[in-house]
PDB file of N, CA and C in Angstrom:
ATOM      1  N   UNK A   1       0.851  -1.155   0.000  1.00  0.00           N
ATOM      2  CA  UNK A   1       0.000   0.000   0.000  1.00  0.00           C
ATOM      3  C   UNK A   1       0.906   1.229   0.000  1.00  0.00           C
ATOM      4  N   UNK A   2       0.574   2.191  -0.837  1.00  0.00           N
ATOM      5  CA  UNK A   2       1.331   3.443  -0.882  1.00  0.00           C
ATOM      6  C   UNK A   2       0.465   4.557  -0.315  1.00  0.00           C
ATOM      7  N   UNK A   3       1.037   5.317   0.589  1.00  0.00           N
ATOM      8  CA  UNK A   3       0.336   6.443   1.209  1.00  0.00           C
ATOM      9  C   UNK A   3       1.130   7.707   0.916  1.00  0.00           C
ATOM     10  N   UNK A   4       0.458   8.703   0.348  1.00  0.00           N
ATOM     11  CA  UNK A   4       1.067  10.017   0.158  1.00  0.00           C
ATOM     12  C   UNK A   4       0.512  10.942   1.234  1.00  0.00           C
ATOM     13  N   UNK A   5       1.417  11.636   1.902  1.00  0.00           N
ATOM     14  CA  UNK A   5       1.011  12.594   2.925  1.00  0.00           C
ATOM     15  C   UNK A   5       1.551  13.960   2.525  1.00  0.00           C
ATOM     16  N   UNK A   6       0.633  14.897   2.358  1.00  0.00           N
ATOM     17  CA  UNK A   6       0.987  16.281   2.045  1.00  0.00           C
ATOM     18  C   UNK A   6       0.926  17.064   3.345  1.00  0.00           C
ATOM     19  N   UNK A   7       2.034  17.702   3.709  1.00  0.00           N
ATOM     20  CA  UNK A   7       2.102  18.341   5.012  1.00  0.00           C
ATOM     21  C   UNK A   7       2.996  19.572   4.963  1.00  0.00           C
ATOM     22  N   UNK A   8       2.642  20.575   5.756  1.00  0.00           N
ATOM     23  CA  UNK A   8       3.454  21.779   5.909  1.00  0.00           C
ATOM     24  C   UNK A   8       4.428  21.521   7.054  1.00  0.00           C
ATOM     25  N   UNK A   9       5.710  21.537   6.762  1.00  0.00           N
ATOM     26  CA  UNK A   9       6.711  21.158   7.762  1.00  0.00           C
ATOM     27  C   UNK A   9       6.830  22.152   8.917  1.00  0.00           C
ATOM     28  N   UNK A  10       6.304  23.353   8.778  1.00  0.00           N
ATOM     29  CA  UNK A  10       6.385  24.320   9.870  1.00  0.00           C
ATOM     30  C   UNK A  10       5.076  24.434  10.654  1.00  0.00           C
ATOM     31  N   UNK A  11       4.052  23.704  10.249  1.00  0.00           N
ATOM     32  CA  UNK A  11       2.753  23.760  10.923  1.00  0.00           C
ATOM     33  C   UNK A  11       2.760  22.841  12.143  1.00  0.00           C
ATOM     34  N   UNK A  12       2.497  23.372  13.337  1.00  0.00           N
ATOM     35  CA  UNK A  12       2.505  22.519  14.531  1.00  0.00           C
ATOM     36  C   UNK A  12       1.419  21.449  14.497  1.00  0.00           C
ATOM     37  N   UNK A  13       0.295  21.732  13.866  1.00  0.00           N
ATOM     38  CA  UNK A  13      -0.779  20.735  13.783  1.00  0.00           C
ATOM     39  C   UNK A  13      -0.395  19.610  12.822  1.00  0.00           C
ATOM     40  N   UNK A  14       0.320  19.940  11.768  1.00  0.00           N
ATOM     41  CA  UNK A  14       0.815  18.908  10.853  1.00  0.00           C
ATOM     42  C   UNK A  14       1.821  18.013  11.571  1.00  0.00           C
ATOM     43  N   UNK A  15       2.620  18.605  12.436  1.00  0.00           N
ATOM     44  CA  UNK A  15       3.581  17.817  13.212  1.00  0.00           C
ATOM     45  C   UNK A  15       2.855  16.842  14.133  1.00  0.00           C
ATOM     46  N   UNK A  16       1.806  17.312  14.786  1.00  0.00           N
ATOM     47  CA  UNK A  16       1.011  16.432  15.653  1.00  0.00           C
ATOM     48  C   UNK A  16       0.415  15.294  14.824  1.00  0.00           C
ATOM     49  N   UNK A  17      -0.121  15.624  13.658  1.00  0.00           N
ATOM     50  CA  UNK A  17      -0.677  14.601  12.779  1.00  0.00           C
ATOM     51  C   UNK A  17       0.367  13.588  12.338  1.00  0.00           C
ATOM     52  N   UNK A  18       1.574  14.066  12.061  1.00  0.00           N
ATOM     53  CA  UNK A  18       2.668  13.175  11.667  1.00  0.00           C
ATOM     54  C   UNK A  18       2.989  12.196  12.780  1.00  0.00           C
ATOM     55  N   UNK A  19       3.085  12.706  13.988  1.00  0.00           N
ATOM     56  CA  UNK A  19       3.396  11.835  15.133  1.00  0.00           C
ATOM     57  C   UNK A  19       2.295  10.809  15.368  1.00  0.00           C
ATOM     58  N   UNK A  20       1.047  11.217  15.258  1.00  0.00           N
ATOM     59  CA  UNK A  20      -0.077  10.291  15.441  1.00  0.00           C
ATOM     60  C   UNK A  20      -0.099   9.234  14.331  1.00  0.00           C
ATOM     61  N   UNK A  21       0.185   9.650  13.099  1.00  0.00           N
ATOM     62  CA  UNK A  21       0.255   8.698  11.996  1.00  0.00           C
ATOM     63  C   UNK A  21       1.358   7.675  12.251  1.00  0.00           C
ATOM     64  N   UNK A  22       2.523   8.134  12.688  1.00  0.00           N
ATOM     65  CA  UNK A  22       3.637   7.223  12.954  1.00  0.00           C
ATOM     66  C   UNK A  22       3.287   6.225  14.054  1.00  0.00           C
ATOM     67  N   UNK A  23       2.590   6.677  15.094  1.00  0.00           N
ATOM     68  CA  UNK A  23       2.175   5.758  16.164  1.00  0.00           C
ATOM     69  C   UNK A  23       1.195   4.717  15.638  1.00  0.00           C
ATOM     70  N   UNK A  24       0.238   5.158  14.830  1.00  0.00           N
ATOM     71  CA  UNK A  24      -0.755   4.232  14.273  1.00  0.00           C
ATOM     72  C   UNK A  24      -0.081   3.232  13.334  1.00  0.00           C
ATOM     73  N   UNK A  25       0.827   3.710  12.501  1.00  0.00           N
ATOM     74  CA  UNK A  25       1.514   2.823  11.569  1.00  0.00           C
ATOM     75  C   UNK A  25       2.346   1.783  12.317  1.00  0.00           C
ATOM     76  N   UNK A  26       2.967   2.171  13.409  1.00  0.00           N
ATOM     77  CA  UNK A  26       3.770   1.238  14.201  1.00  0.00           C
ATOM     78  C   UNK A  26       2.921   0.094  14.754  1.00  0.00           C
ATOM     79  N   UNK A  27       1.639   0.341  14.975  1.00  0.00           N
ATOM     80  CA  UNK A  27       0.743  -0.683  15.513  1.00  0.00           C
ATOM     81  C   UNK A  27       0.071  -1.508  14.412  1.00  0.00           C
ATOM     82  N   UNK A  28       0.195  -1.086  13.166  1.00  0.00           N
ATOM     83  CA  UNK A  28      -0.465  -1.744  12.044  1.00  0.00           C
ATOM     84  C   UNK A  28       0.247  -3.056  11.723  1.00  0.00           C
ATOM     85  N   UNK A  29      -0.508  -4.122  11.671  1.00  0.00           N
ATOM     86  CA  UNK A  29       0.052  -5.461  11.464  1.00  0.00           C
ATOM     87  C   UNK A  29       0.849  -5.576  10.160  1.00  0.00           C
ATOM     88  N   UNK A  30       0.429  -4.906   9.124  1.00  0.00           N
ATOM     89  CA  UNK A  30       1.074  -5.015   7.808  1.00  0.00           C
ATOM     90  C   UNK A  30       1.920  -3.787   7.475  1.00  0.00           C
ATOM     91  N   UNK A  31       2.471  -3.155   8.502  1.00  0.00           N
ATOM     92  CA  UNK A  31       3.221  -1.913   8.303  1.00  0.00           C
ATOM     93  C   UNK A  31       4.417  -2.083   7.366  1.00  0.00           C
ATOM     94  N   UNK A  32       4.947  -3.287   7.270  1.00  0.00           N
ATOM     95  CA  UNK A  32       6.109  -3.504   6.395  1.00  0.00           C
ATOM     96  C   UNK A  32       5.716  -3.510   4.919  1.00  0.00           C
ATOM     97  N   UNK A  33       4.424  -3.556   4.657  1.00  0.00           N
ATOM     98  CA  UNK A  33       3.926  -3.500   3.281  1.00  0.00           C
ATOM     99  C   UNK A  33       3.451  -2.095   2.908  1.00  0.00           C
ATOM    100  N   UNK A  34       3.744  -1.127   3.760  1.00  0.00           N
ATOM    101  CA  UNK A  34       3.292   0.245   3.541  1.00  0.00           C
ATOM    102  C   UNK A  34       4.479   1.098   3.105  1.00  0.00           C
ATOM    103  N   UNK A  35       4.280   1.825   2.019  1.00  0.00           N
ATOM    104  CA  UNK A  35       5.273   2.787   1.550  1.00  0.00           C
ATOM    105  C   UNK A  35       4.687   4.179   1.761  1.00  0.00           C
ATOM    106  N   UNK A  36       5.374   4.987   2.559  1.00  0.00           N
ATOM    107  CA  UNK A  36       4.898   6.338   2.856  1.00  0.00           C
ATOM    108  C   UNK A  36       5.737   7.331   2.058  1.00  0.00           C
ATOM    109  N   UNK A  37       5.058   8.194   1.335  1.00  0.00           N
ATOM    110  CA  UNK A  37       5.725   9.235   0.560  1.00  0.00           C
ATOM    111  C   UNK A  37       5.297  10.588   1.124  1.00  0.00           C
ATOM    112  N   UNK A  38       6.263  11.307   1.691  1.00  0.00           N
ATOM    113  CA  UNK A  38       5.982  12.616   2.277  1.00  0.00           C
ATOM    114  C   UNK A  38       6.144  13.685   1.210  1.00  0.00           C
ATOM    115  N   UNK A  39       5.157  14.569   1.125  1.00  0.00           N
ATOM    116  CA  UNK A  39       5.171  15.677   0.173  1.00  0.00           C
ATOM    117  C   UNK A  39       5.079  16.986   0.956  1.00  0.00           C
ATOM    118  N   UNK A  40       5.806  17.970   0.498  1.00  0.00           N
ATOM    119  CA  UNK A  40       5.790  19.275   1.149  1.00  0.00           C
ATOM    120  C   UNK A  40       4.638  20.121   0.608  1.00  0.00           C
ATOM    121  N   UNK A  41       3.955  20.774   1.521  1.00  0.00           N
ATOM    122  CA  UNK A  41       2.829  21.631   1.145  1.00  0.00           C
ATOM    123  C   UNK A  41       2.846  22.855   2.044  1.00  0.00           C
ATOM    124  N   UNK A  42       2.884  24.035   1.460  1.00  0.00           N
ATOM    125  CA  UNK A  42       2.863  25.272   2.236  1.00  0.00           C
ATOM    126  C   UNK A  42       1.411  25.709   2.414  1.00  0.00           C
ATOM    127  N   UNK A  43       0.956  25.754   3.662  1.00  0.00           N
ATOM    128  CA  UNK A  43      -0.440  26.075   3.930  1.00  0.00           C
ATOM    129  C   UNK A  43      -0.800  27.490   3.506  1.00  0.00           C
ATOM    130  N   UNK A  44      -0.079  28.482   4.016  1.00  0.00           N
ATOM    131  CA  UNK A  44      -0.397  29.875   3.685  1.00  0.00           C
ATOM    132  C   UNK A  44       0.819  30.744   3.970  1.00  0.00           C
ATOM    133  N   UNK A  45       1.533  31.078   2.934  1.00  0.00           N
ATOM    134  CA  UNK A  45       2.747  31.885   3.136  1.00  0.00           C
ATOM    135  C   UNK A  45       2.434  33.305   3.596  1.00  0.00           C
ATOM    136  N   UNK A  46       1.208  33.759   3.420  1.00  0.00           N
ATOM    137  CA  UNK A  46       0.812  35.106   3.820  1.00  0.00           C
ATOM    138  C   UNK A  46       0.246  35.155   5.243  1.00  0.00           C
ATOM    139  N   UNK A  47       0.184  34.026   5.906  1.00  0.00           N
ATOM    140  CA  UNK A  47      -0.377  33.989   7.260  1.00  0.00           C
ATOM    141  C   UNK A  47       0.499  34.815   8.200  1.00  0.00           C
ATOM    142  N   UNK A  48      -0.130  35.643   9.034  1.00  0.00           N
ATOM    143  CA  UNK A  48       0.656  36.450   9.967  1.00  0.00           C
ATOM    144  C   UNK A  48       1.270  35.574  11.052  1.00  0.00           C
ATOM    145  N   UNK A  49       2.455  35.955  11.464  1.00  0.00           N
ATOM    146  CA  UNK A  49       3.101  35.262  12.577  1.00  0.00           C
ATOM    147  C   UNK A  49       2.506  35.821  13.858  1.00  0.00           C
ATOM    148  N   UNK A  50       1.985  34.943  14.695  1.00  0.00           N
ATOM    149  CA  UNK A  50       1.334  35.395  15.931  1.00  0.00           C
ATOM    150  C   UNK A  50       1.994  34.730  17.122  1.00  0.00           C
ATOM    151  N   UNK A  51       2.142  35.493  18.158  1.00  0.00           N
ATOM    152  CA  UNK A  51       2.682  34.932  19.391  1.00  0.00           C
ATOM    153  C   UNK A  51       1.535  34.344  20.210  1.00  0.00           C
ATOM    154  N   UNK A  52       1.828  33.445  21.155  1.00  0.00           N
ATOM    155  CA  UNK A  52       0.773  32.891  22.009  1.00  0.00           C
ATOM    156  C   UNK A  52       0.001  33.966  22.769  1.00  0.00           C
ATOM    157  N   UNK A  53       0.642  35.116  23.036  1.00  0.00           N
ATOM    158  CA  UNK A  53      -0.033  36.207  23.745  1.00  0.00           C
ATOM    159  C   UNK A  53      -1.140  36.837  22.900  1.00  0.00           C
ATOM    160  N   UNK A  54      -1.027  36.739  21.571  1.00  0.00           N
ATOM    161  CA  UNK A  54      -2.034  37.306  20.671  1.00  0.00           C
ATOM    162  C   UNK A  54      -3.273  36.430  20.548  1.00  0.00           C
ATOM    163  N   UNK A  55      -3.170  35.197  20.958  1.00  0.00           N
ATOM    164  CA  UNK A  55      -4.275  34.251  20.763  1.00  0.00           C
ATOM    165  C   UNK A  55      -5.263  34.274  21.892  1.00  0.00           C
TER     166      UNK A  55
END
């Protein structure tokens, strides 16, 4: 099985999703038959940088 994952490498939510995917894949019985292809995707280059104090 081939899985393509499109993810923004600087997005903290994408990082959380990556970690959860890796945990799930580690538990998958047929994980050795899985080929994962990571693709880079920029969510929004115009998004303002905000500090936690702004949220």
